[in-house]
Amino acid sequence: MEQRKHWWNGKWGRIARKDVYLRTNGDQWYVEQRAGGSDGSSHFFEYDSEDTALDMVRSLLAGPDEWRELSVRPSSR
């Protein structure tokens, strides 16, 4: 699975931090919505197209938080 994009709401701490990830594996696209940092809870969504996955990302990023796109580390292949 390859991570394509990562957004963070810019807040620190288990209660306030939120992350959204866009990943792909073959023809499938995955969106992960995580609350509470690396030890937090996640919700996963699976899509057949990048456009549909990005629609979900846009809806998750809507709201009062000031989301920041973070750089994705290059794969070590």
C-alpha atoms as a PDB file:
ATOM      1  CA  MET A   1       0.000   0.000   0.000  1.00  0.00           C
ATOM      2  CA  GLU A   2       1.312   3.430  -0.952  1.00  0.00           C
ATOM      3  CA  GLN A   3       0.524   6.576   1.000  1.00  0.00           C
ATOM      4  CA  ARG A   4      -0.204   9.448  -1.385  1.00  0.00           C
ATOM      5  CA  LYS A   5      -1.260  12.338   0.884  1.00  0.00           C
ATOM      6  CA  HIS A   6      -1.533  13.218   4.574  1.00  0.00           C
ATOM      7  CA  TRP A   7      -3.384  16.104   6.207  1.00  0.00           C
ATOM      8  CA  TRP A   8      -3.185  17.197   9.852  1.00  0.00           C
ATOM      9  CA  ASN A   9      -5.408  19.666  11.687  1.00  0.00           C
ATOM     10  CA  GLY A  10      -2.376  21.383  13.252  1.00  0.00           C
ATOM     11  CA  LYS A  11      -3.310  20.541  16.839  1.00  0.00           C
ATOM     12  CA  TRP A  12      -1.241  18.586  19.343  1.00  0.00           C
ATOM     13  CA  GLY A  13      -2.465  16.166  21.961  1.00  0.00           C
ATOM     14  CA  ARG A  14      -4.525  13.015  22.042  1.00  0.00           C
ATOM     15  CA  ILE A  15      -7.843  14.820  22.322  1.00  0.00           C
ATOM     16  CA  ALA A  16      -7.347  17.522  19.676  1.00  0.00           C
ATOM     17  CA  ARG A  17      -5.193  15.919  16.959  1.00  0.00           C
ATOM     18  CA  LYS A  18      -6.823  14.677  13.755  1.00  0.00           C
ATOM     19  CA  ASP A  19      -5.242  13.194  10.632  1.00  0.00           C
ATOM     20  CA  VAL A  20      -6.567  12.189   7.222  1.00  0.00           C
ATOM     21  CA  TYR A  21      -4.596   9.876   4.924  1.00  0.00           C
ATOM     22  CA  LEU A  22      -5.059   9.016   1.253  1.00  0.00           C
ATOM     23  CA  ARG A  23      -3.563   5.672   0.209  1.00  0.00           C
ATOM     24  CA  THR A  24      -3.698   3.423  -2.830  1.00  0.00           C
ATOM     25  CA  ASN A  25      -3.112  -0.243  -3.545  1.00  0.00           C
ATOM     26  CA  GLY A  26      -3.548  -1.282  -7.160  1.00  0.00           C
ATOM     27  CA  ASP A  27      -6.969  -0.053  -8.334  1.00  0.00           C
ATOM     28  CA  GLN A  28      -8.288   0.586  -4.825  1.00  0.00           C
ATOM     29  CA  TRP A  29      -8.150   3.883  -2.938  1.00  0.00           C
ATOM     30  CA  TYR A  30      -8.339   4.184   0.835  1.00  0.00           C
ATOM     31  CA  VAL A  31      -9.070   7.123   3.120  1.00  0.00           C
ATOM     32  CA  GLU A  32      -8.227   6.899   6.812  1.00  0.00           C
ATOM     33  CA  GLN A  33      -9.701   9.373   9.287  1.00  0.00           C
ATOM     34  CA  ARG A  34      -7.765   9.225  12.571  1.00  0.00           C
ATOM     35  CA  ALA A  35      -8.465  11.038  15.830  1.00  0.00           C
ATOM     36  CA  GLY A  36      -6.042  11.115  18.749  1.00  0.00           C
ATOM     37  CA  GLY A  37      -2.665  10.656  17.087  1.00  0.00           C
ATOM     38  CA  SER A  38      -0.886   7.361  16.460  1.00  0.00           C
ATOM     39  CA  ASP A  39      -2.623   5.659  19.394  1.00  0.00           C
ATOM     40  CA  GLY A  40      -6.025   7.070  18.496  1.00  0.00           C
ATOM     41  CA  SER A  41      -8.992   5.528  16.738  1.00  0.00           C
ATOM     42  CA  SER A  42      -9.435   5.303  12.969  1.00  0.00           C
ATOM     43  CA  HIS A  43     -12.249   4.981  10.470  1.00  0.00           C
ATOM     44  CA  PHE A  44     -11.445   3.534   7.043  1.00  0.00           C
ATOM     45  CA  PHE A  45     -13.180   4.123   3.712  1.00  0.00           C
ATOM     46  CA  GLU A  46     -12.513   2.201   0.475  1.00  0.00           C
ATOM     47  CA  TYR A  47     -13.138   3.514  -3.059  1.00  0.00           C
ATOM     48  CA  ASP A  48     -12.758   2.354  -6.658  1.00  0.00           C
ATOM     49  CA  SER A  49     -11.453   5.698  -7.946  1.00  0.00           C
ATOM     50  CA  GLU A  50      -9.127   8.469  -6.832  1.00  0.00           C
ATOM     51  CA  ASP A  51     -11.779  11.118  -7.558  1.00  0.00           C
ATOM     52  CA  THR A  52     -14.294   9.473  -5.233  1.00  0.00           C
ATOM     53  CA  ALA A  53     -11.665   9.092  -2.511  1.00  0.00           C
ATOM     54  CA  LEU A  54     -10.705  12.767  -2.872  1.00  0.00           C
ATOM     55  CA  ASP A  55     -14.377  13.744  -2.562  1.00  0.00           C
ATOM     56  CA  MET A  56     -14.390  11.997   0.833  1.00  0.00           C
ATOM     57  CA  VAL A  57     -11.148  13.734   1.826  1.00  0.00           C
ATOM     58  CA  ARG A  58     -12.647  17.136   0.971  1.00  0.00           C
ATOM     59  CA  SER A  59     -15.711  16.408   3.082  1.00  0.00           C
ATOM     60  CA  LEU A  60     -13.547  15.300   6.030  1.00  0.00           C
ATOM     61  CA  LEU A  61     -11.417  18.457   5.810  1.00  0.00           C
ATOM     62  CA  ALA A  62     -14.444  20.775   5.773  1.00  0.00           C
ATOM     63  CA  GLY A  63     -15.046  22.659   8.990  1.00  0.00           C
ATOM     64  CA  PRO A  64     -13.314  25.004  11.402  1.00  0.00           C
ATOM     65  CA  ASP A  65      -9.919  23.255  11.640  1.00  0.00           C
ATOM     66  CA  GLU A  66      -6.962  24.709   9.741  1.00  0.00           C
ATOM     67  CA  TRP A  67      -5.795  21.600   7.883  1.00  0.00           C
ATOM     68  CA  ARG A  68      -2.213  21.332   6.627  1.00  0.00           C
ATOM     69  CA  GLU A  69      -0.982  18.954   3.977  1.00  0.00           C
ATOM     70  CA  LEU A  70       2.133  17.173   5.186  1.00  0.00           C
ATOM     71  CA  SER A  71       4.851  15.780   2.949  1.00  0.00           C
ATOM     72  CA  VAL A  72       4.745  12.087   2.264  1.00  0.00           C
ATOM     73  CA  ARG A  73       8.039  10.278   2.753  1.00  0.00           C
ATOM     74  CA  PRO A  74       9.292   8.592  -0.428  1.00  0.00           C
ATOM     75  CA  SER A  75       8.977   4.818  -0.414  1.00  0.00           C
ATOM     76  CA  SER A  76      12.170   2.872   0.281  1.00  0.00           C
ATOM     77  CA  ARG A  77      11.842   0.588  -2.754  1.00  0.00           C
END
